[in-house]
Amino acid sequence: MTVSLAALGAGAASADATMTAVGGAGNVTVTAKGDNTGRECDVGVLDQSKRTIASKVVSLAPNRTQTVKLTGIPAGSYYTVVMRCGGQNQTGVEGVAVRPAPDPH
């Protein structure tokens, strides 16, 4: 489920880039889809206190989909994943669960 964390401004003419997020074993995989404008976006994982625990800057090409994997995330049941792009509203997914990473031994 994609949740807009900010209301669209009155008279907004174009669609914003969109994203989905899935928690994995010690990571979150984000699939971001650009709108008709190329833009730089900051994709981040926030803990329950809304502190950023992992982030990555990506360049979204117009009308293309890009997958971003954020790693090193502790196991938890309720993370918020946000995408902040220049020239658009922030979007996000709440309630992303992350499983423990496998033991490397």
PDB file of N, CA and C in Angstrom:
ATOM      1  N   MET A   1       0.842  -1.164   0.000  1.00  0.00           N
ATOM      2  CA  MET A   1       0.000   0.000   0.000  1.00  0.00           C
ATOM      3  C   MET A   1       0.892   1.232   0.000  1.00  0.00           C
ATOM      4  N   THR A   2       0.640   2.163  -0.918  1.00  0.00           N
ATOM      5  CA  THR A   2       1.371   3.416  -0.965  1.00  0.00           C
ATOM      6  C   THR A   2       0.517   4.482  -0.308  1.00  0.00           C
ATOM      7  N   VAL A   3       1.103   5.232   0.610  1.00  0.00           N
ATOM      8  CA  VAL A   3       0.375   6.239   1.359  1.00  0.00           C
ATOM      9  C   VAL A   3       1.038   7.585   1.115  1.00  0.00           C
ATOM     10  N   SER A   4       0.275   8.572   0.680  1.00  0.00           N
ATOM     11  CA  SER A   4       0.822   9.909   0.525  1.00  0.00           C
ATOM     12  C   SER A   4       0.913  10.542   1.898  1.00  0.00           C
ATOM     13  N   LEU A   5       2.098  11.028   2.258  1.00  0.00           N
ATOM     14  CA  LEU A   5       2.278  11.637   3.574  1.00  0.00           C
ATOM     15  C   LEU A   5       2.063  13.136   3.553  1.00  0.00           C
ATOM     16  N   ALA A   6       1.787  13.687   2.369  1.00  0.00           N
ATOM     17  CA  ALA A   6       1.496  15.118   2.249  1.00  0.00           C
ATOM     18  C   ALA A   6       0.421  15.295   1.202  1.00  0.00           C
ATOM     19  N   ALA A   7      -0.467  16.223   1.415  1.00  0.00           N
ATOM     20  CA  ALA A   7      -1.557  16.442   0.463  1.00  0.00           C
ATOM     21  C   ALA A   7      -1.018  17.085  -0.808  1.00  0.00           C
ATOM     22  N   LEU A   8      -1.621  16.732  -1.929  1.00  0.00           N
ATOM     23  CA  LEU A   8      -1.234  17.364  -3.192  1.00  0.00           C
ATOM     24  C   LEU A   8      -1.649  18.823  -3.173  1.00  0.00           C
ATOM     25  N   GLY A   9      -0.811  19.674  -3.711  1.00  0.00           N
ATOM     26  CA  GLY A   9      -1.139  21.092  -3.791  1.00  0.00           C
ATOM     27  C   GLY A   9      -2.250  21.340  -4.788  1.00  0.00           C
ATOM     28  N   ALA A  10      -3.022  22.360  -4.572  1.00  0.00           N
ATOM     29  CA  ALA A  10      -4.107  22.698  -5.489  1.00  0.00           C
ATOM     30  C   ALA A  10      -3.544  22.985  -6.872  1.00  0.00           C
ATOM     31  N   GLY A  11      -4.183  22.414  -7.875  1.00  0.00           N
ATOM     32  CA  GLY A  11      -3.777  22.678  -9.246  1.00  0.00           C
ATOM     33  C   GLY A  11      -2.555  21.912  -9.697  1.00  0.00           C
ATOM     34  N   ALA A  12      -2.130  20.884  -8.982  1.00  0.00           N
ATOM     35  CA  ALA A  12      -0.972  20.104  -9.405  1.00  0.00           C
ATOM     36  C   ALA A  12      -1.294  19.419 -10.723  1.00  0.00           C
ATOM     37  N   ALA A  13      -0.415  19.588 -11.714  1.00  0.00           N
ATOM     38  CA  ALA A  13      -0.723  19.138 -13.063  1.00  0.00           C
ATOM     39  C   ALA A  13      -0.164  17.759 -13.380  1.00  0.00           C
ATOM     40  N   SER A  14       0.941  17.361 -12.767  1.00  0.00           N
ATOM     41  CA  SER A  14       1.540  16.090 -13.150  1.00  0.00           C
ATOM     42  C   SER A  14       1.506  15.099 -11.994  1.00  0.00           C
ATOM     43  N   ALA A  15       1.587  13.822 -12.344  1.00  0.00           N
ATOM     44  CA  ALA A  15       1.637  12.782 -11.327  1.00  0.00           C
ATOM     45  C   ALA A  15       3.039  12.748 -10.728  1.00  0.00           C
ATOM     46  N   ASP A  16       3.134  12.358  -9.483  1.00  0.00           N
ATOM     47  CA  ASP A  16       4.423  12.237  -8.816  1.00  0.00           C
ATOM     48  C   ASP A  16       4.992  10.839  -9.039  1.00  0.00           C
ATOM     49  N   ALA A  17       6.296  10.702  -8.792  1.00  0.00           N
ATOM     50  CA  ALA A  17       6.918   9.392  -8.781  1.00  0.00           C
ATOM     51  C   ALA A  17       6.269   8.582  -7.662  1.00  0.00           C
ATOM     52  N   THR A  18       6.201   7.268  -7.828  1.00  0.00           N
ATOM     53  CA  THR A  18       5.558   6.408  -6.848  1.00  0.00           C
ATOM     54  C   THR A  18       6.545   5.356  -6.359  1.00  0.00           C
ATOM     55  N   MET A  19       6.180   4.694  -5.247  1.00  0.00           N
ATOM     56  CA  MET A  19       7.058   3.666  -4.702  1.00  0.00           C
ATOM     57  C   MET A  19       6.273   2.614  -3.958  1.00  0.00           C
ATOM     58  N   THR A  20       6.880   1.417  -3.866  1.00  0.00           N
ATOM     59  CA  THR A  20       6.404   0.348  -3.003  1.00  0.00           C
ATOM     60  C   THR A  20       7.601  -0.136  -2.204  1.00  0.00           C
ATOM     61  N   ALA A  21       7.355  -0.787  -1.075  1.00  0.00           N
ATOM     62  CA  ALA A  21       8.451  -1.269  -0.234  1.00  0.00           C
ATOM     63  C   ALA A  21       8.085  -2.621   0.362  1.00  0.00           C
ATOM     64  N   VAL A  22       9.080  -3.518   0.404  1.00  0.00           N
ATOM     65  CA  VAL A  22       8.896  -4.850   0.974  1.00  0.00           C
ATOM     66  C   VAL A  22      10.070  -5.130   1.906  1.00  0.00           C
ATOM     67  N   GLY A  23       9.762  -5.546   3.134  1.00  0.00           N
ATOM     68  CA  GLY A  23      10.800  -5.908   4.092  1.00  0.00           C
ATOM     69  C   GLY A  23      11.318  -7.303   3.824  1.00  0.00           C
ATOM     70  N   GLY A  24      12.599  -7.510   4.085  1.00  0.00           N
ATOM     71  CA  GLY A  24      13.230  -8.811   3.902  1.00  0.00           C
ATOM     72  C   GLY A  24      14.057  -9.157   5.119  1.00  0.00           C
ATOM     73  N   ALA A  25      15.045  -9.999   4.933  1.00  0.00           N
ATOM     74  CA  ALA A  25      15.941 -10.414   6.016  1.00  0.00           C
ATOM     75  C   ALA A  25      17.048  -9.379   6.173  1.00  0.00           C
ATOM     76  N   GLY A  26      16.862  -8.431   7.103  1.00  0.00           N
ATOM     77  CA  GLY A  26      17.850  -7.385   7.348  1.00  0.00           C
ATOM     78  C   GLY A  26      17.885  -6.299   6.295  1.00  0.00           C
ATOM     79  N   ASN A  27      16.847  -6.229   5.461  1.00  0.00           N
ATOM     80  CA  ASN A  27      16.839  -5.217   4.400  1.00  0.00           C
ATOM     81  C   ASN A  27      15.421  -4.813   4.033  1.00  0.00           C
ATOM     82  N   VAL A  28      15.331  -3.742   3.269  1.00  0.00           N
ATOM     83  CA  VAL A  28      14.074  -3.301   2.671  1.00  0.00           C
ATOM     84  C   VAL A  28      14.349  -3.077   1.199  1.00  0.00           C
ATOM     85  N   THR A  29      13.496  -3.638   0.341  1.00  0.00           N
ATOM     86  CA  THR A  29      13.608  -3.433  -1.094  1.00  0.00           C
ATOM     87  C   THR A  29      12.524  -2.460  -1.522  1.00  0.00           C
ATOM     88  N   VAL A  30      12.948  -1.378  -2.165  1.00  0.00           N
ATOM     89  CA  VAL A  30      12.033  -0.326  -2.621  1.00  0.00           C
ATOM     90  C   VAL A  30      12.011  -0.341  -4.137  1.00  0.00           C
ATOM     91  N   THR A  31      10.815  -0.332  -4.695  1.00  0.00           N
ATOM     92  CA  THR A  31      10.651  -0.198  -6.132  1.00  0.00           C
ATOM     93  C   THR A  31      10.066   1.180  -6.379  1.00  0.00           C
ATOM     94  N   ALA A  32      10.836   2.026  -7.064  1.00  0.00           N
ATOM     95  CA  ALA A  32      10.419   3.406  -7.339  1.00  0.00           C
ATOM     96  C   ALA A  32      10.152   3.549  -8.829  1.00  0.00           C
ATOM     97  N   LYS A  33       9.060   4.220  -9.173  1.00  0.00           N
ATOM     98  CA  LYS A  33       8.720   4.457 -10.572  1.00  0.00           C
ATOM     99  C   LYS A  33       8.669   5.953 -10.808  1.00  0.00           C
ATOM    100  N   GLY A  34       9.479   6.414 -11.752  1.00  0.00           N
ATOM    101  CA  GLY A  34       9.516   7.829 -12.080  1.00  0.00           C
ATOM    102  C   GLY A  34       8.289   8.272 -12.851  1.00  0.00           C
ATOM    103  N   ASP A  35       7.955   9.545 -12.726  1.00  0.00           N
ATOM    104  CA  ASP A  35       6.881  10.115 -13.533  1.00  0.00           C
ATOM    105  C   ASP A  35       7.501  10.575 -14.854  1.00  0.00           C
ATOM    106  N   ASN A  36       6.950  11.596 -15.466  1.00  0.00           N
ATOM    107  CA  ASN A  36       7.466  12.040 -16.765  1.00  0.00           C
ATOM    108  C   ASN A  36       8.649  12.995 -16.653  1.00  0.00           C
ATOM    109  N   THR A  37       9.212  13.134 -15.442  1.00  0.00           N
ATOM    110  CA  THR A  37      10.346  14.032 -15.207  1.00  0.00           C
ATOM    111  C   THR A  37      11.455  13.261 -14.494  1.00  0.00           C
ATOM    112  N   GLY A  38      12.681  13.383 -14.957  1.00  0.00           N
ATOM    113  CA  GLY A  38      13.795  12.800 -14.225  1.00  0.00           C
ATOM    114  C   GLY A  38      14.021  13.583 -12.943  1.00  0.00           C
ATOM    115  N   ARG A  39      14.330  12.896 -11.849  1.00  0.00           N
ATOM    116  CA  ARG A  39      14.534  13.593 -10.573  1.00  0.00           C
ATOM    117  C   ARG A  39      15.432  12.801  -9.646  1.00  0.00           C
ATOM    118  N   GLU A  40      16.087  13.528  -8.757  1.00  0.00           N
ATOM    119  CA  GLU A  40      16.877  12.928  -7.677  1.00  0.00           C
ATOM    120  C   GLU A  40      15.929  12.674  -6.510  1.00  0.00           C
ATOM    121  N   CYS A  41      16.029  11.489  -5.932  1.00  0.00           N
ATOM    122  CA  CYS A  41      15.168  11.139  -4.800  1.00  0.00           C
ATOM    123  C   CYS A  41      16.000  10.542  -3.679  1.00  0.00           C
ATOM    124  N   ASP A  42      15.606  10.837  -2.454  1.00  0.00           N
ATOM    125  CA  ASP A  42      16.215  10.242  -1.268  1.00  0.00           C
ATOM    126  C   ASP A  42      15.218   9.216  -0.745  1.00  0.00           C
ATOM    127  N   VAL A  43      15.630   7.953  -0.731  1.00  0.00           N
ATOM    128  CA  VAL A  43      14.799   6.869  -0.232  1.00  0.00           C
ATOM    129  C   VAL A  43      15.348   6.489   1.138  1.00  0.00           C
ATOM    130  N   GLY A  44      14.485   6.449   2.144  1.00  0.00           N
ATOM    131  CA  GLY A  44      14.971   6.162   3.486  1.00  0.00           C
ATOM    132  C   GLY A  44      14.034   5.298   4.295  1.00  0.00           C
ATOM    133  N   VAL A  45      14.611   4.635   5.307  1.00  0.00           N
ATOM    134  CA  VAL A  45      13.853   3.828   6.259  1.00  0.00           C
ATOM    135  C   VAL A  45      13.887   4.556   7.594  1.00  0.00           C
ATOM    136  N   LEU A  46      12.698   4.775   8.172  1.00  0.00           N
ATOM    137  CA  LEU A  46      12.572   5.457   9.460  1.00  0.00           C
ATOM    138  C   LEU A  46      12.113   4.466  10.517  1.00  0.00           C
ATOM    139  N   ASP A  47      12.675   4.589  11.730  1.00  0.00           N
ATOM    140  CA  ASP A  47      12.205   3.740  12.818  1.00  0.00           C
ATOM    141  C   ASP A  47      10.946   4.350  13.429  1.00  0.00           C
ATOM    142  N   GLN A  48      10.439   3.753  14.504  1.00  0.00           N
ATOM    143  CA  GLN A  48       9.197   4.245  15.107  1.00  0.00           C
ATOM    144  C   GLN A  48       9.330   5.644  15.673  1.00  0.00           C
ATOM    145  N   SER A  49      10.547   6.077  15.975  1.00  0.00           N
ATOM    146  CA  SER A  49      10.781   7.445  16.453  1.00  0.00           C
ATOM    147  C   SER A  49      10.958   8.424  15.300  1.00  0.00           C
ATOM    148  N   LYS A  50      10.802   7.927  14.071  1.00  0.00           N
ATOM    149  CA  LYS A  50      10.940   8.714  12.833  1.00  0.00           C
ATOM    150  C   LYS A  50      12.374   9.154  12.577  1.00  0.00           C
ATOM    151  N   ARG A  51      13.341   8.407  13.131  1.00  0.00           N
ATOM    152  CA  ARG A  51      14.751   8.635  12.833  1.00  0.00           C
ATOM    153  C   ARG A  51      15.140   7.811  11.615  1.00  0.00           C
ATOM    154  N   THR A  52      15.955   8.386  10.744  1.00  0.00           N
ATOM    155  CA  THR A  52      16.421   7.673   9.562  1.00  0.00           C
ATOM    156  C   THR A  52      17.485   6.672   9.974  1.00  0.00           C
ATOM    157  N   ILE A  53      17.284   5.395   9.632  1.00  0.00           N
ATOM    158  CA  ILE A  53      18.275   4.371   9.970  1.00  0.00           C
ATOM    159  C   ILE A  53      18.994   3.848   8.732  1.00  0.00           C
ATOM    160  N   ALA A  54      18.466   4.122   7.555  1.00  0.00           N
ATOM    161  CA  ALA A  54      19.131   3.756   6.298  1.00  0.00           C
ATOM    162  C   ALA A  54      18.572   4.644   5.204  1.00  0.00           C
ATOM    163  N   SER A  55      19.434   5.082   4.297  1.00  0.00           N
ATOM    164  CA  SER A  55      18.937   5.889   3.179  1.00  0.00           C
ATOM    165  C   SER A  55      19.892   5.790   1.998  1.00  0.00           C
ATOM    166  N   LYS A  56      19.371   6.148   0.844  1.00  0.00           N
ATOM    167  CA  LYS A  56      20.162   6.126  -0.376  1.00  0.00           C
ATOM    168  C   LYS A  56      19.557   7.143  -1.341  1.00  0.00           C
ATOM    169  N   VAL A  57      20.425   7.888  -2.023  1.00  0.00           N
ATOM    170  CA  VAL A  57      19.968   8.836  -3.046  1.00  0.00           C
ATOM    171  C   VAL A  57      19.991   8.112  -4.392  1.00  0.00           C
ATOM    172  N   VAL A  58      18.896   8.226  -5.128  1.00  0.00           N
ATOM    173  CA  VAL A  58      18.793   7.589  -6.439  1.00  0.00           C
ATOM    174  C   VAL A  58      18.372   8.623  -7.480  1.00  0.00           C
ATOM    175  N   SER A  59      18.761   8.378  -8.712  1.00  0.00           N
ATOM    176  CA  SER A  59      18.326   9.212  -9.834  1.00  0.00           C
ATOM    177  C   SER A  59      17.267   8.439 -10.595  1.00  0.00           C
ATOM    178  N   LEU A  60      16.033   8.951 -10.570  1.00  0.00           N
ATOM    179  CA  LEU A  60      14.945   8.303 -11.295  1.00  0.00           C
ATOM    180  C   LEU A  60      14.871   8.872 -12.704  1.00  0.00           C
ATOM    181  N   ALA A  61      14.915   7.995 -13.692  1.00  0.00           N
ATOM    182  CA  ALA A  61      14.746   8.398 -15.078  1.00  0.00           C
ATOM    183  C   ALA A  61      13.254   8.530 -15.364  1.00  0.00           C
ATOM    184  N   PRO A  62      12.884   9.396 -16.305  1.00  0.00           N
ATOM    185  CA  PRO A  62      11.460   9.558 -16.631  1.00  0.00           C
ATOM    186  C   PRO A  62      10.828   8.225 -17.037  1.00  0.00           C
ATOM    187  N   ASN A  63       9.682   7.935 -16.434  1.00  0.00           N
ATOM    188  CA  ASN A  63       8.847   6.778 -16.773  1.00  0.00           C
ATOM    189  C   ASN A  63       9.587   5.443 -16.686  1.00  0.00           C
ATOM    190  N   ARG A  64      10.563   5.343 -15.804  1.00  0.00           N
ATOM    191  CA  ARG A  64      11.315   4.096 -15.608  1.00  0.00           C
ATOM    192  C   ARG A  64      11.149   3.633 -14.165  1.00  0.00           C
ATOM    193  N   THR A  65      11.316   2.338 -13.972  1.00  0.00           N
ATOM    194  CA  THR A  65      11.249   1.750 -12.638  1.00  0.00           C
ATOM    195  C   THR A  65      12.656   1.386 -12.183  1.00  0.00           C
ATOM    196  N   GLN A  66      12.943   1.650 -10.919  1.00  0.00           N
ATOM    197  CA  GLN A  66      14.255   1.346 -10.359  1.00  0.00           C
ATOM    198  C   GLN A  66      14.067   0.659  -9.013  1.00  0.00           C
ATOM    199  N   THR A  67      14.872  -0.370  -8.765  1.00  0.00           N
ATOM    200  CA  THR A  67      14.828  -1.090  -7.492  1.00  0.00           C
ATOM    201  C   THR A  67      16.021  -0.666  -6.640  1.00  0.00           C
ATOM    202  N   VAL A  68      15.740  -0.366  -5.371  1.00  0.00           N
ATOM    203  CA  VAL A  68      16.766   0.074  -4.429  1.00  0.00           C
ATOM    204  C   VAL A  68      16.703  -0.848  -3.220  1.00  0.00           C
ATOM    205  N   LYS A  69      17.849  -1.386  -2.798  1.00  0.00           N
ATOM    206  CA  LYS A  69      17.885  -2.237  -1.607  1.00  0.00           C
ATOM    207  C   LYS A  69      18.641  -1.500  -0.511  1.00  0.00           C
ATOM    208  N   LEU A  70      17.982  -1.311   0.624  1.00  0.00           N
ATOM    209  CA  LEU A  70      18.585  -0.690   1.804  1.00  0.00           C
ATOM    210  C   LEU A  70      18.886  -1.819   2.781  1.00  0.00           C
ATOM    211  N   THR A  71      20.161  -1.944   3.176  1.00  0.00           N
ATOM    212  CA  THR A  71      20.590  -3.077   3.988  1.00  0.00           C
ATOM    213  C   THR A  71      21.035  -2.645   5.379  1.00  0.00           C
ATOM    214  N   GLY A  72      21.339  -3.639   6.217  1.00  0.00           N
ATOM    215  CA  GLY A  72      21.814  -3.372   7.570  1.00  0.00           C
ATOM    216  C   GLY A  72      20.721  -2.887   8.497  1.00  0.00           C
ATOM    217  N   ILE A  73      19.489  -3.289   8.246  1.00  0.00           N
ATOM    218  CA  ILE A  73      18.355  -2.826   9.045  1.00  0.00           C
ATOM    219  C   ILE A  73      18.029  -3.874  10.101  1.00  0.00           C
ATOM    220  N   PRO A  74      17.950  -3.466  11.374  1.00  0.00           N
ATOM    221  CA  PRO A  74      17.623  -4.430  12.429  1.00  0.00           C
ATOM    222  C   PRO A  74      16.205  -4.985  12.251  1.00  0.00           C
ATOM    223  N   ALA A  75      15.999  -6.201  12.733  1.00  0.00           N
ATOM    224  CA  ALA A  75      14.663  -6.797  12.674  1.00  0.00           C
ATOM    225  C   ALA A  75      13.683  -5.906  13.432  1.00  0.00           C
ATOM    226  N   GLY A  76      12.511  -5.740  12.888  1.00  0.00           N
ATOM    227  CA  GLY A  76      11.479  -4.928  13.511  1.00  0.00           C
ATOM    228  C   GLY A  76      10.177  -5.094  12.778  1.00  0.00           C
ATOM    229  N   SER A  77       9.087  -4.762  13.445  1.00  0.00           N
ATOM    230  CA  SER A  77       7.775  -5.003  12.857  1.00  0.00           C
ATOM    231  C   SER A  77       7.116  -3.757  12.290  1.00  0.00           C
ATOM    232  N   TYR A  78       7.684  -2.579  12.527  1.00  0.00           N
ATOM    233  CA  TYR A  78       6.975  -1.390  12.058  1.00  0.00           C
ATOM    234  C   TYR A  78       7.945  -0.282  11.648  1.00  0.00           C
ATOM    235  N   TYR A  79       8.376  -0.330  10.415  1.00  0.00           N
ATOM    236  CA  TYR A  79       9.207   0.722   9.853  1.00  0.00           C
ATOM    237  C   TYR A  79       8.379   1.529   8.855  1.00  0.00           C
ATOM    238  N   THR A  80       8.776   2.775   8.654  1.00  0.00           N
ATOM    239  CA  THR A  80       8.188   3.608   7.611  1.00  0.00           C
ATOM    240  C   THR A  80       9.256   3.836   6.559  1.00  0.00           C
ATOM    241  N   VAL A  81       8.909   3.618   5.308  1.00  0.00           N
ATOM    242  CA  VAL A  81       9.821   3.843   4.200  1.00  0.00           C
ATOM    243  C   VAL A  81       9.316   5.062   3.449  1.00  0.00           C
ATOM    244  N   VAL A  82      10.195   6.058   3.249  1.00  0.00           N
ATOM    245  CA  VAL A  82       9.791   7.295   2.597  1.00  0.00           C
ATOM    246  C   VAL A  82      10.647   7.556   1.368  1.00  0.00           C
ATOM    247  N   MET A  83      10.064   8.297   0.444  1.00  0.00           N
ATOM    248  CA  MET A  83      10.794   8.744  -0.737  1.00  0.00           C
ATOM    249  C   MET A  83      10.540  10.240  -0.882  1.00  0.00           C
ATOM    250  N   ARG A  84      11.632  10.992  -0.843  1.00  0.00           N
ATOM    251  CA  ARG A  84      11.562  12.453  -0.977  1.00  0.00           C
ATOM    252  C   ARG A  84      12.249  12.827  -2.285  1.00  0.00           C
ATOM    253  N   CYS A  85      11.492  13.403  -3.203  1.00  0.00           N
ATOM    254  CA  CYS A  85      12.038  13.794  -4.502  1.00  0.00           C
ATOM    255  C   CYS A  85      11.845  15.292  -4.688  1.00  0.00           C
ATOM    256  N   GLY A  86      12.816  15.934  -5.318  1.00  0.00           N
ATOM    257  CA  GLY A  86      12.687  17.353  -5.606  1.00  0.00           C
ATOM    258  C   GLY A  86      11.483  17.620  -6.492  1.00  0.00           C
ATOM    259  N   GLY A  87      10.716  18.635  -6.152  1.00  0.00           N
ATOM    260  CA  GLY A  87       9.586  19.046  -6.978  1.00  0.00           C
ATOM    261  C   GLY A  87       8.334  18.209  -6.822  1.00  0.00           C
ATOM    262  N   GLN A  88       8.241  17.396  -5.769  1.00  0.00           N
ATOM    263  CA  GLN A  88       7.013  16.627  -5.550  1.00  0.00           C
ATOM    264  C   GLN A  88       6.795  16.403  -4.068  1.00  0.00           C
ATOM    265  N   ASN A  89       5.624  15.908  -3.731  1.00  0.00           N
ATOM    266  CA  ASN A  89       5.289  15.591  -2.351  1.00  0.00           C
ATOM    267  C   ASN A  89       6.012  14.323  -1.904  1.00  0.00           C
ATOM    268  N   GLN A  90       6.277  14.219  -0.626  1.00  0.00           N
ATOM    269  CA  GLN A  90       6.883  13.020  -0.055  1.00  0.00           C
ATOM    270  C   GLN A  90       5.864  11.885  -0.111  1.00  0.00           C
ATOM    271  N   THR A  91       6.304  10.694  -0.463  1.00  0.00           N
ATOM    272  CA  THR A  91       5.436   9.521  -0.440  1.00  0.00           C
ATOM    273  C   THR A  91       6.051   8.499   0.494  1.00  0.00           C
ATOM    274  N   GLY A  92       5.244   7.556   0.962  1.00  0.00           N
ATOM    275  CA  GLY A  92       5.783   6.574   1.872  1.00  0.00           C
ATOM    276  C   GLY A  92       4.901   5.368   2.062  1.00  0.00           C
ATOM    277  N   VAL A  93       5.479   4.357   2.685  1.00  0.00           N
ATOM    278  CA  VAL A  93       4.775   3.132   3.047  1.00  0.00           C
ATOM    279  C   VAL A  93       5.023   2.912   4.530  1.00  0.00           C
ATOM    280  N   GLU A  94       3.951   2.706   5.288  1.00  0.00           N
ATOM    281  CA  GLU A  94       4.067   2.482   6.725  1.00  0.00           C
ATOM    282  C   GLU A  94       3.859   1.014   7.047  1.00  0.00           C
ATOM    283  N   GLY A  95       4.417   0.571   8.161  1.00  0.00           N
ATOM    284  CA  GLY A  95       4.193  -0.782   8.646  1.00  0.00           C
ATOM    285  C   GLY A  95       5.008  -1.846   7.935  1.00  0.00           C
ATOM    286  N   VAL A  96       6.201  -1.504   7.465  1.00  0.00           N
ATOM    287  CA  VAL A  96       7.062  -2.477   6.787  1.00  0.00           C
ATOM    288  C   VAL A  96       7.806  -3.291   7.847  1.00  0.00           C
ATOM    289  N   ALA A  97       7.720  -4.606   7.749  1.00  0.00           N
ATOM    290  CA  ALA A  97       8.387  -5.506   8.707  1.00  0.00           C
ATOM    291  C   ALA A  97       9.694  -6.007   8.114  1.00  0.00           C
ATOM    292  N   VAL A  98      10.724  -6.124   8.965  1.00  0.00           N
ATOM    293  CA  VAL A  98      12.034  -6.639   8.557  1.00  0.00           C
ATOM    294  C   VAL A  98      12.365  -7.834   9.450  1.00  0.00           C
ATOM    295  N   ARG A  99      12.714  -8.942   8.807  1.00  0.00           N
ATOM    296  CA  ARG A  99      13.110 -10.162   9.538  1.00  0.00           C
ATOM    297  C   ARG A  99      14.576 -10.069   9.918  1.00  0.00           C
ATOM    298  N   PRO A 100      15.013 -10.875  10.885  1.00  0.00           N
ATOM    299  CA  PRO A 100      16.436 -10.898  11.235  1.00  0.00           C
ATOM    300  C   PRO A 100      17.280 -11.343  10.011  1.00  0.00           C
ATOM    301  N   ALA A 101      18.440 -10.739   9.868  1.00  0.00           N
ATOM    302  CA  ALA A 101      19.354 -11.142   8.802  1.00  0.00           C
ATOM    303  C   ALA A 101      19.907 -12.521   9.132  1.00  0.00           C
ATOM    304  N   PRO A 102      20.199 -13.336   8.119  1.00  0.00           N
ATOM    305  CA  PRO A 102      20.766 -14.659   8.397  1.00  0.00           C
ATOM    306  C   PRO A 102      22.145 -14.531   9.044  1.00  0.00           C
ATOM    307  N   ASP A 103      22.454 -15.471   9.906  1.00  0.00           N
ATOM    308  CA  ASP A 103      23.763 -15.510  10.574  1.00  0.00           C
ATOM    309  C   ASP A 103      24.821 -15.881   9.530  1.00  0.00           C
ATOM    310  N   PRO A 104      25.880 -15.062   9.370  1.00  0.00           N
ATOM    311  CA  PRO A 104      26.875 -15.331   8.329  1.00  0.00           C
ATOM    312  C   PRO A 104      27.749 -16.551   8.623  1.00  0.00           C
ATOM    313  N   HIS A 105      27.618 -17.152   9.796  1.00  0.00           N
ATOM    314  CA  HIS A 105      28.464 -18.314  10.156  1.00  0.00           C
ATOM    315  C   HIS A 105      27.803 -19.593   9.863  1.00  0.00           C
TER     316      HIS A 105
END
